[in-house]
Full PDB file with SEQRES, HELIX, SHEET, SSBOND, CRYST1, ORIGX, SCALE, CONECT and MASTER records, all heavy atoms in Angstrom:
SEQRES   1 A   31  ARG LEU ILE ARG ARG GLY THR PHE ILE ILE LYS ASP ILE          
SEQRES   2 A   31  LYS GLY LEU GLU ASN TYR ARG ALA ALA LYS GLY GLY ALA          
SEQRES   3 A   31  VAL ILE THR CYS ASN                                          
HELIX    1 AA1 LEU A    2  ARG A    5  1                                   4    
HELIX    2 AA2 LEU A   16  ALA A   21  1                                   6    
CRYST1    1.000    1.000    1.000  90.00  90.00  90.00 P 1           1          
ORIGX1      1.000000  0.000000  0.000000        0.00000                         
ORIGX2      0.000000  1.000000  0.000000        0.00000                         
ORIGX3      0.000000  0.000000  1.000000        0.00000                         
SCALE1      1.000000  0.000000  0.000000        0.00000                         
SCALE2      0.000000  1.000000  0.000000        0.00000                         
SCALE3      0.000000  0.000000  1.000000        0.00000                         
ATOM      1  N   ARG A   1     -20.324  -6.134 -16.480  1.00  0.00           N  
ATOM      2  CA  ARG A   1     -20.023  -7.149 -17.485  1.00  0.00           C  
ATOM      3  C   ARG A   1     -18.565  -7.034 -17.942  1.00  0.00           C  
ATOM      4  O   ARG A   1     -17.871  -8.046 -18.103  1.00  0.00           O  
ATOM      5  CB  ARG A   1     -20.968  -7.010 -18.677  1.00  0.00           C  
ATOM      6  CG  ARG A   1     -20.778  -8.123 -19.713  1.00  0.00           C  
ATOM      7  CD  ARG A   1     -21.926  -8.184 -20.706  1.00  0.00           C  
ATOM      8  NE  ARG A   1     -22.053  -6.953 -21.469  1.00  0.00           N  
ATOM      9  CZ  ARG A   1     -23.056  -6.089 -21.360  1.00  0.00           C  
ATOM     10  NH1 ARG A   1     -24.042  -6.311 -20.511  1.00  0.00           N  
ATOM     11  NH2 ARG A   1     -23.089  -4.988 -22.102  1.00  0.00           N  
ATOM     12  N   LEU A   2     -18.083  -5.805 -18.124  1.00  0.00           N  
ATOM     13  CA  LEU A   2     -16.672  -5.619 -18.484  1.00  0.00           C  
ATOM     14  C   LEU A   2     -15.751  -6.148 -17.382  1.00  0.00           C  
ATOM     15  O   LEU A   2     -14.714  -6.763 -17.666  1.00  0.00           O  
ATOM     16  CB  LEU A   2     -16.379  -4.128 -18.721  1.00  0.00           C  
ATOM     17  CG  LEU A   2     -17.061  -3.446 -19.901  1.00  0.00           C  
ATOM     18  CD1 LEU A   2     -16.607  -1.994 -19.998  1.00  0.00           C  
ATOM     19  CD2 LEU A   2     -16.810  -4.174 -21.213  1.00  0.00           C  
ATOM     20  N   ILE A   3     -16.147  -5.912 -16.136  1.00  0.00           N  
ATOM     21  CA  ILE A   3     -15.341  -6.396 -15.011  1.00  0.00           C  
ATOM     22  C   ILE A   3     -15.319  -7.925 -14.990  1.00  0.00           C  
ATOM     23  O   ILE A   3     -14.269  -8.548 -14.795  1.00  0.00           O  
ATOM     24  CB  ILE A   3     -15.881  -5.819 -13.691  1.00  0.00           C  
ATOM     25  CG1 ILE A   3     -15.579  -4.304 -13.628  1.00  0.00           C  
ATOM     26  CG2 ILE A   3     -15.256  -6.530 -12.482  1.00  0.00           C  
ATOM     27  CD1 ILE A   3     -16.252  -3.577 -12.491  1.00  0.00           C  
ATOM     28  N   ARG A   4     -16.469  -8.551 -15.200  1.00  0.00           N  
ATOM     29  CA  ARG A   4     -16.521 -10.015 -15.215  1.00  0.00           C  
ATOM     30  C   ARG A   4     -15.677 -10.597 -16.348  1.00  0.00           C  
ATOM     31  O   ARG A   4     -15.067 -11.666 -16.204  1.00  0.00           O  
ATOM     32  CB  ARG A   4     -17.967 -10.501 -15.351  1.00  0.00           C  
ATOM     33  CG  ARG A   4     -18.806 -10.284 -14.104  1.00  0.00           C  
ATOM     34  CD  ARG A   4     -20.110 -11.059 -14.172  1.00  0.00           C  
ATOM     35  NE  ARG A   4     -20.950 -10.659 -15.306  1.00  0.00           N  
ATOM     36  CZ  ARG A   4     -21.840  -9.677 -15.278  1.00  0.00           C  
ATOM     37  NH1 ARG A   4     -22.010  -8.972 -14.162  1.00  0.00           N  
ATOM     38  NH2 ARG A   4     -22.582  -9.401 -16.338  1.00  0.00           N  
ATOM     39  N   ARG A   5     -15.641  -9.891 -17.476  1.00  0.00           N  
ATOM     40  CA  ARG A   5     -14.855 -10.364 -18.628  1.00  0.00           C  
ATOM     41  C   ARG A   5     -13.360 -10.113 -18.452  1.00  0.00           C  
ATOM     42  O   ARG A   5     -12.542 -10.632 -19.212  1.00  0.00           O  
ATOM     43  CB  ARG A   5     -15.327  -9.660 -19.898  1.00  0.00           C  
ATOM     44  CG  ARG A   5     -16.712 -10.090 -20.371  1.00  0.00           C  
ATOM     45  CD  ARG A   5     -17.127  -9.275 -21.586  1.00  0.00           C  
ATOM     46  NE  ARG A   5     -18.414  -9.703 -22.110  1.00  0.00           N  
ATOM     47  CZ  ARG A   5     -19.067  -9.072 -23.088  1.00  0.00           C  
ATOM     48  NH1 ARG A   5     -18.532  -7.993 -23.644  1.00  0.00           N  
ATOM     49  NH2 ARG A   5     -20.241  -9.517 -23.502  1.00  0.00           N  
ATOM     50  N   GLY A   6     -13.002  -9.303 -17.492  1.00  0.00           N  
ATOM     51  CA  GLY A   6     -11.600  -9.006 -17.259  1.00  0.00           C  
ATOM     52  C   GLY A   6     -11.026  -7.939 -18.157  1.00  0.00           C  
ATOM     53  O   GLY A   6      -9.799  -7.778 -18.240  1.00  0.00           O  
ATOM     54  N   THR A   7     -11.888  -7.176 -18.826  1.00  0.00           N  
ATOM     55  CA  THR A   7     -11.403  -6.086 -19.668  1.00  0.00           C  
ATOM     56  C   THR A   7     -11.425  -4.742 -18.935  1.00  0.00           C  
ATOM     57  O   THR A   7     -10.995  -3.724 -19.488  1.00  0.00           O  
ATOM     58  CB  THR A   7     -12.250  -5.978 -20.958  1.00  0.00           C  
ATOM     59  OG1 THR A   7     -13.627  -5.814 -20.616  1.00  0.00           O  
ATOM     60  CG2 THR A   7     -12.085  -7.233 -21.791  1.00  0.00           C  
ATOM     61  N   PHE A   8     -11.924  -4.731 -17.725  1.00  0.00           N  
ATOM     62  CA  PHE A   8     -11.949  -3.555 -16.847  1.00  0.00           C  
ATOM     63  C   PHE A   8     -11.599  -4.094 -15.464  1.00  0.00           C  
ATOM     64  O   PHE A   8     -12.371  -4.852 -14.873  1.00  0.00           O  
ATOM     65  CB  PHE A   8     -13.333  -2.922 -16.893  1.00  0.00           C  
ATOM     66  CG  PHE A   8     -13.556  -1.733 -15.993  1.00  0.00           C  
ATOM     67  CD1 PHE A   8     -12.507  -1.052 -15.392  1.00  0.00           C  
ATOM     68  CD2 PHE A   8     -14.846  -1.277 -15.744  1.00  0.00           C  
ATOM     69  CE1 PHE A   8     -12.729   0.042 -14.572  1.00  0.00           C  
ATOM     70  CE2 PHE A   8     -15.094  -0.184 -14.932  1.00  0.00           C  
ATOM     71  CZ  PHE A   8     -14.029   0.474 -14.340  1.00  0.00           C  
ATOM     72  N   ILE A   9     -10.422  -3.720 -14.965  1.00  0.00           N  
ATOM     73  CA  ILE A   9      -9.900  -4.334 -13.743  1.00  0.00           C  
ATOM     74  C   ILE A   9      -9.679  -3.278 -12.667  1.00  0.00           C  
ATOM     75  O   ILE A   9      -8.915  -2.325 -12.874  1.00  0.00           O  
ATOM     76  CB  ILE A   9      -8.578  -5.067 -14.024  1.00  0.00           C  
ATOM     77  CG1 ILE A   9      -8.794  -6.150 -15.093  1.00  0.00           C  
ATOM     78  CG2 ILE A   9      -8.018  -5.683 -12.740  1.00  0.00           C  
ATOM     79  CD1 ILE A   9      -7.505  -6.783 -15.590  1.00  0.00           C  
ATOM     80  N   ILE A  10     -10.358  -3.431 -11.547  1.00  0.00           N  
ATOM     81  CA  ILE A  10     -10.114  -2.599 -10.364  1.00  0.00           C  
ATOM     82  C   ILE A  10      -9.388  -3.481  -9.365  1.00  0.00           C  
ATOM     83  O   ILE A  10      -9.994  -4.357  -8.731  1.00  0.00           O  
ATOM     84  CB  ILE A  10     -11.422  -2.048  -9.775  1.00  0.00           C  
ATOM     85  CG1 ILE A  10     -12.169  -1.235 -10.833  1.00  0.00           C  
ATOM     86  CG2 ILE A  10     -11.123  -1.184  -8.544  1.00  0.00           C  
ATOM     87  CD1 ILE A  10     -13.552  -0.784 -10.397  1.00  0.00           C  
ATOM     88  N   LYS A  11      -8.105  -3.296  -9.243  1.00  0.00           N  
ATOM     89  CA  LYS A  11      -7.270  -4.167  -8.416  1.00  0.00           C  
ATOM     90  C   LYS A  11      -7.448  -3.882  -6.931  1.00  0.00           C  
ATOM     91  O   LYS A  11      -7.525  -4.808  -6.116  1.00  0.00           O  
ATOM     92  CB  LYS A  11      -5.799  -3.993  -8.808  1.00  0.00           C  
ATOM     93  CG  LYS A  11      -4.832  -4.817  -7.973  1.00  0.00           C  
ATOM     94  CD  LYS A  11      -3.386  -4.526  -8.343  1.00  0.00           C  
ATOM     95  CE  LYS A  11      -2.434  -5.293  -7.432  1.00  0.00           C  
ATOM     96  NZ  LYS A  11      -1.010  -4.974  -7.745  1.00  0.00           N  
ATOM     97  N   ASP A  12      -7.514  -2.597  -6.563  1.00  0.00           N  
ATOM     98  CA  ASP A  12      -7.549  -2.263  -5.137  1.00  0.00           C  
ATOM     99  C   ASP A  12      -8.136  -0.880  -4.929  1.00  0.00           C  
ATOM    100  O   ASP A  12      -8.206  -0.060  -5.861  1.00  0.00           O  
ATOM    101  CB  ASP A  12      -6.131  -2.312  -4.556  1.00  0.00           C  
ATOM    102  CG  ASP A  12      -6.103  -2.601  -3.058  1.00  0.00           C  
ATOM    103  OD1 ASP A  12      -7.199  -2.661  -2.440  1.00  0.00           O  
ATOM    104  OD2 ASP A  12      -5.005  -2.770  -2.519  1.00  0.00           O  
ATOM    105  N   ILE A  13      -8.549  -0.632  -3.695  1.00  0.00           N  
ATOM    106  CA  ILE A  13      -9.066   0.680  -3.269  1.00  0.00           C  
ATOM    107  C   ILE A  13      -8.321   1.058  -2.003  1.00  0.00           C  
ATOM    108  O   ILE A  13      -8.252   0.267  -1.056  1.00  0.00           O  
ATOM    109  CB  ILE A  13     -10.584   0.617  -2.995  1.00  0.00           C  
ATOM    110  CG1 ILE A  13     -11.336   0.187  -4.259  1.00  0.00           C  
ATOM    111  CG2 ILE A  13     -11.094   1.969  -2.498  1.00  0.00           C  
ATOM    112  CD1 ILE A  13     -12.758  -0.277  -3.984  1.00  0.00           C  
ATOM    113  N   LYS A  14      -7.756   2.241  -1.982  1.00  0.00           N  
ATOM    114  CA  LYS A  14      -6.953   2.690  -0.842  1.00  0.00           C  
ATOM    115  C   LYS A  14      -7.501   4.007  -0.298  1.00  0.00           C  
ATOM    116  O   LYS A  14      -7.925   4.876  -1.052  1.00  0.00           O  
ATOM    117  CB  LYS A  14      -5.496   2.911  -1.275  1.00  0.00           C  
ATOM    118  CG  LYS A  14      -4.811   1.700  -1.893  1.00  0.00           C  
ATOM    119  CD  LYS A  14      -4.345   0.728  -0.842  1.00  0.00           C  
ATOM    120  CE  LYS A  14      -3.426  -0.319  -1.456  1.00  0.00           C  
ATOM    121  NZ  LYS A  14      -2.940  -1.289  -0.454  1.00  0.00           N  
ATOM    122  N   GLY A  15      -7.464   4.159   1.009  1.00  0.00           N  
ATOM    123  CA  GLY A  15      -7.776   5.442   1.639  1.00  0.00           C  
ATOM    124  C   GLY A  15      -9.245   5.767   1.755  1.00  0.00           C  
ATOM    125  O   GLY A  15      -9.608   6.949   1.815  1.00  0.00           O  
ATOM    126  N   LEU A  16     -10.115   4.761   1.840  1.00  0.00           N  
ATOM    127  CA  LEU A  16     -11.550   5.044   1.991  1.00  0.00           C  
ATOM    128  C   LEU A  16     -11.836   5.867   3.238  1.00  0.00           C  
ATOM    129  O   LEU A  16     -12.804   6.619   3.279  1.00  0.00           O  
ATOM    130  CB  LEU A  16     -12.351   3.739   2.027  1.00  0.00           C  
ATOM    131  CG  LEU A  16     -12.813   3.179   0.682  1.00  0.00           C  
ATOM    132  CD1 LEU A  16     -13.504   1.838   0.876  1.00  0.00           C  
ATOM    133  CD2 LEU A  16     -13.734   4.153  -0.036  1.00  0.00           C  
ATOM    134  N   GLU A  17     -10.989   5.719   4.238  1.00  0.00           N  
ATOM    135  CA  GLU A  17     -11.193   6.512   5.452  1.00  0.00           C  
ATOM    136  C   GLU A  17     -11.069   8.008   5.167  1.00  0.00           C  
ATOM    137  O   GLU A  17     -11.712   8.836   5.838  1.00  0.00           O  
ATOM    138  CB  GLU A  17     -10.208   6.092   6.551  1.00  0.00           C  
ATOM    139  CG  GLU A  17      -8.751   6.442   6.319  1.00  0.00           C  
ATOM    140  CD  GLU A  17      -8.013   5.469   5.388  1.00  0.00           C  
ATOM    141  OE1 GLU A  17      -8.658   4.544   4.859  1.00  0.00           O  
ATOM    142  OE2 GLU A  17      -6.794   5.660   5.190  1.00  0.00           O  
ATOM    143  N   ASN A  18     -10.269   8.373   4.183  1.00  0.00           N  
ATOM    144  CA  ASN A  18     -10.144   9.782   3.804  1.00  0.00           C  
ATOM    145  C   ASN A  18     -11.431  10.281   3.147  1.00  0.00           C  
ATOM    146  O   ASN A  18     -11.898  11.387   3.436  1.00  0.00           O  
ATOM    147  CB  ASN A  18      -8.962   9.963   2.853  1.00  0.00           C  
ATOM    148  CG  ASN A  18      -7.636   9.698   3.517  1.00  0.00           C  
ATOM    149  OD1 ASN A  18      -7.417  10.088   4.665  1.00  0.00           O  
ATOM    150  ND2 ASN A  18      -6.736   9.036   2.818  1.00  0.00           N  
ATOM    151  N   TYR A  19     -11.985   9.466   2.254  1.00  0.00           N  
ATOM    152  CA  TYR A  19     -13.267   9.832   1.647  1.00  0.00           C  
ATOM    153  C   TYR A  19     -14.346   9.963   2.719  1.00  0.00           C  
ATOM    154  O   TYR A  19     -15.121  10.925   2.716  1.00  0.00           O  
ATOM    155  CB  TYR A  19     -13.663   8.778   0.612  1.00  0.00           C  
ATOM    156  CG  TYR A  19     -15.118   8.887   0.222  1.00  0.00           C  
ATOM    157  CD1 TYR A  19     -15.562   9.915  -0.605  1.00  0.00           C  
ATOM    158  CD2 TYR A  19     -16.057   8.003   0.746  1.00  0.00           C  
ATOM    159  CE1 TYR A  19     -16.899  10.046  -0.922  1.00  0.00           C  
ATOM    160  CE2 TYR A  19     -17.395   8.130   0.432  1.00  0.00           C  
ATOM    161  CZ  TYR A  19     -17.817   9.148  -0.404  1.00  0.00           C  
ATOM    162  OH  TYR A  19     -19.140   9.285  -0.702  1.00  0.00           O  
ATOM    163  N   ARG A  20     -14.408   9.025   3.642  1.00  0.00           N  
ATOM    164  CA  ARG A  20     -15.453   9.012   4.652  1.00  0.00           C  
ATOM    165  C   ARG A  20     -15.295  10.126   5.678  1.00  0.00           C  
ATOM    166  O   ARG A  20     -16.252  10.476   6.376  1.00  0.00           O  
ATOM    167  CB  ARG A  20     -15.482   7.646   5.340  1.00  0.00           C  
ATOM    168  CG  ARG A  20     -15.995   6.549   4.413  1.00  0.00           C  
ATOM    169  CD  ARG A  20     -15.776   5.165   4.962  1.00  0.00           C  
ATOM    170  NE  ARG A  20     -16.342   4.166   4.053  1.00  0.00           N  
ATOM    171  CZ  ARG A  20     -15.990   2.889   4.031  1.00  0.00           C  
ATOM    172  NH1 ARG A  20     -15.053   2.430   4.870  1.00  0.00           N  
ATOM    173  NH2 ARG A  20     -16.560   2.051   3.167  1.00  0.00           N  
ATOM    174  N   ALA A  21     -14.097  10.697   5.763  1.00  0.00           N  
ATOM    175  CA  ALA A  21     -13.878  11.813   6.700  1.00  0.00           C  
ATOM    176  C   ALA A  21     -14.588  13.079   6.246  1.00  0.00           C  
ATOM    177  O   ALA A  21     -14.849  13.972   7.060  1.00  0.00           O  
ATOM    178  CB  ALA A  21     -12.383  12.081   6.847  1.00  0.00           C  
ATOM    179  N   ALA A  22     -14.904  13.173   4.960  1.00  0.00           N  
ATOM    180  CA  ALA A  22     -15.587  14.358   4.426  1.00  0.00           C  
ATOM    181  C   ALA A  22     -17.096  14.149   4.541  1.00  0.00           C  
ATOM    182  O   ALA A  22     -17.721  13.540   3.666  1.00  0.00           O  
ATOM    183  CB  ALA A  22     -15.188  14.593   2.972  1.00  0.00           C  
ATOM    184  N   LYS A  23     -17.663  14.621   5.618  1.00  0.00           N  
ATOM    185  CA  LYS A  23     -19.093  14.453   5.839  1.00  0.00           C  
ATOM    186  C   LYS A  23     -19.867  15.475   5.009  1.00  0.00           C  
ATOM    187  O   LYS A  23     -19.449  16.617   4.839  1.00  0.00           O  
ATOM    188  CB  LYS A  23     -19.427  14.639   7.318  1.00  0.00           C  
ATOM    189  CG  LYS A  23     -18.599  13.789   8.280  1.00  0.00           C  
ATOM    190  CD  LYS A  23     -18.813  12.302   8.053  1.00  0.00           C  
ATOM    191  CE  LYS A  23     -18.044  11.467   9.066  1.00  0.00           C  
ATOM    192  NZ  LYS A  23     -18.196  10.020   8.827  1.00  0.00           N  
ATOM    193  N   GLY A  24     -21.019  15.079   4.518  1.00  0.00           N  
ATOM    194  CA  GLY A  24     -21.855  16.009   3.758  1.00  0.00           C  
ATOM    195  C   GLY A  24     -21.324  16.237   2.360  1.00  0.00           C  
ATOM    196  O   GLY A  24     -20.643  15.401   1.769  1.00  0.00           O  
ATOM    197  N   GLY A  25     -21.631  17.403   1.816  1.00  0.00           N  
ATOM    198  CA  GLY A  25     -21.244  17.715   0.451  1.00  0.00           C  
ATOM    199  C   GLY A  25     -19.744  17.805   0.277  1.00  0.00           C  
ATOM    200  O   GLY A  25     -19.025  18.245   1.182  1.00  0.00           O  
ATOM    201  N   ALA A  26     -19.267  17.389  -0.892  1.00  0.00           N  
ATOM    202  CA  ALA A  26     -17.835  17.460  -1.195  1.00  0.00           C  
ATOM    203  C   ALA A  26     -17.632  17.371  -2.695  1.00  0.00           C  
ATOM    204  O   ALA A  26     -18.440  16.784  -3.421  1.00  0.00           O  
ATOM    205  CB  ALA A  26     -17.064  16.347  -0.494  1.00  0.00           C  
ATOM    206  N   VAL A  27     -16.548  17.937  -3.152  1.00  0.00           N  
ATOM    207  CA  VAL A  27     -16.100  17.801  -4.535  1.00  0.00           C  
ATOM    208  C   VAL A  27     -14.996  16.752  -4.555  1.00  0.00           C  
ATOM    209  O   VAL A  27     -14.015  16.870  -3.815  1.00  0.00           O  
ATOM    210  CB  VAL A  27     -15.573  19.129  -5.099  1.00  0.00           C  
ATOM    211  CG1 VAL A  27     -14.936  18.924  -6.467  1.00  0.00           C  
ATOM    212  CG2 VAL A  27     -16.698  20.159  -5.188  1.00  0.00           C  
ATOM    213  N   ILE A  28     -15.173  15.715  -5.355  1.00  0.00           N  
ATOM    214  CA  ILE A  28     -14.140  14.698  -5.535  1.00  0.00           C  
ATOM    215  C   ILE A  28     -13.408  15.018  -6.828  1.00  0.00           C  
ATOM    216  O   ILE A  28     -14.027  15.176  -7.878  1.00  0.00           O  
ATOM    217  CB  ILE A  28     -14.741  13.286  -5.615  1.00  0.00           C  
ATOM    218  CG1 ILE A  28     -15.519  12.955  -4.335  1.00  0.00           C  
ATOM    219  CG2 ILE A  28     -13.649  12.245  -5.854  1.00  0.00           C  
ATOM    220  CD1 ILE A  28     -16.291  11.651  -4.405  1.00  0.00           C  
ATOM    221  N   THR A  29     -12.104  15.135  -6.760  1.00  0.00           N  
ATOM    222  CA  THR A  29     -11.306  15.363  -7.964  1.00  0.00           C  
ATOM    223  C   THR A  29     -10.614  14.063  -8.348  1.00  0.00           C  
ATOM    224  O   THR A  29     -10.254  13.262  -7.490  1.00  0.00           O  
ATOM    225  CB  THR A  29     -10.248  16.456  -7.743  1.00  0.00           C  
ATOM    226  OG1 THR A  29      -9.383  16.073  -6.660  1.00  0.00           O  
ATOM    227  CG2 THR A  29     -10.909  17.789  -7.425  1.00  0.00           C  
ATOM    228  N   CYS A  30     -10.422  13.837  -9.640  1.00  0.00           N  
ATOM    229  CA  CYS A  30      -9.763  12.612 -10.090  1.00  0.00           C  
ATOM    230  C   CYS A  30      -9.034  12.867 -11.400  1.00  0.00           C  
ATOM    231  O   CYS A  30      -9.460  13.706 -12.195  1.00  0.00           O  
ATOM    232  CB  CYS A  30     -10.796  11.490 -10.271  1.00  0.00           C  
ATOM    233  SG  CYS A  30     -10.072   9.859 -10.603  1.00  0.00           S  
ATOM    234  N   ASN A  31      -7.941  12.151 -11.601  1.00  0.00           N  
ATOM    235  CA  ASN A  31      -7.273  12.194 -12.912  1.00  0.00           C  
ATOM    236  C   ASN A  31      -8.152  11.500 -13.939  1.00  0.00           C  
ATOM    237  O   ASN A  31      -8.920  10.587 -13.621  1.00  0.00           O  
ATOM    238  CB  ASN A  31      -5.878  11.569 -12.829  1.00  0.00           C  
ATOM    239  CG  ASN A  31      -5.871  10.156 -12.245  1.00  0.00           C  
ATOM    240  OD1 ASN A  31      -6.621   9.829 -11.326  1.00  0.00           O  
ATOM    241  ND2 ASN A  31      -5.003   9.309 -12.763  1.00  0.00           N  
TER     242      ASN A  31                                                      
MASTER        0    0    0    2    0    0    0    6  241    1    0    3          
END                                                                             
């Protein structure tokens, strides 16, 4: 609902191939 209202905007996603290269369990770190 926030996304539809435009108050939460995800403009783009980059590097999904890097995420998909990690098969099985993994720790994702993020700021």
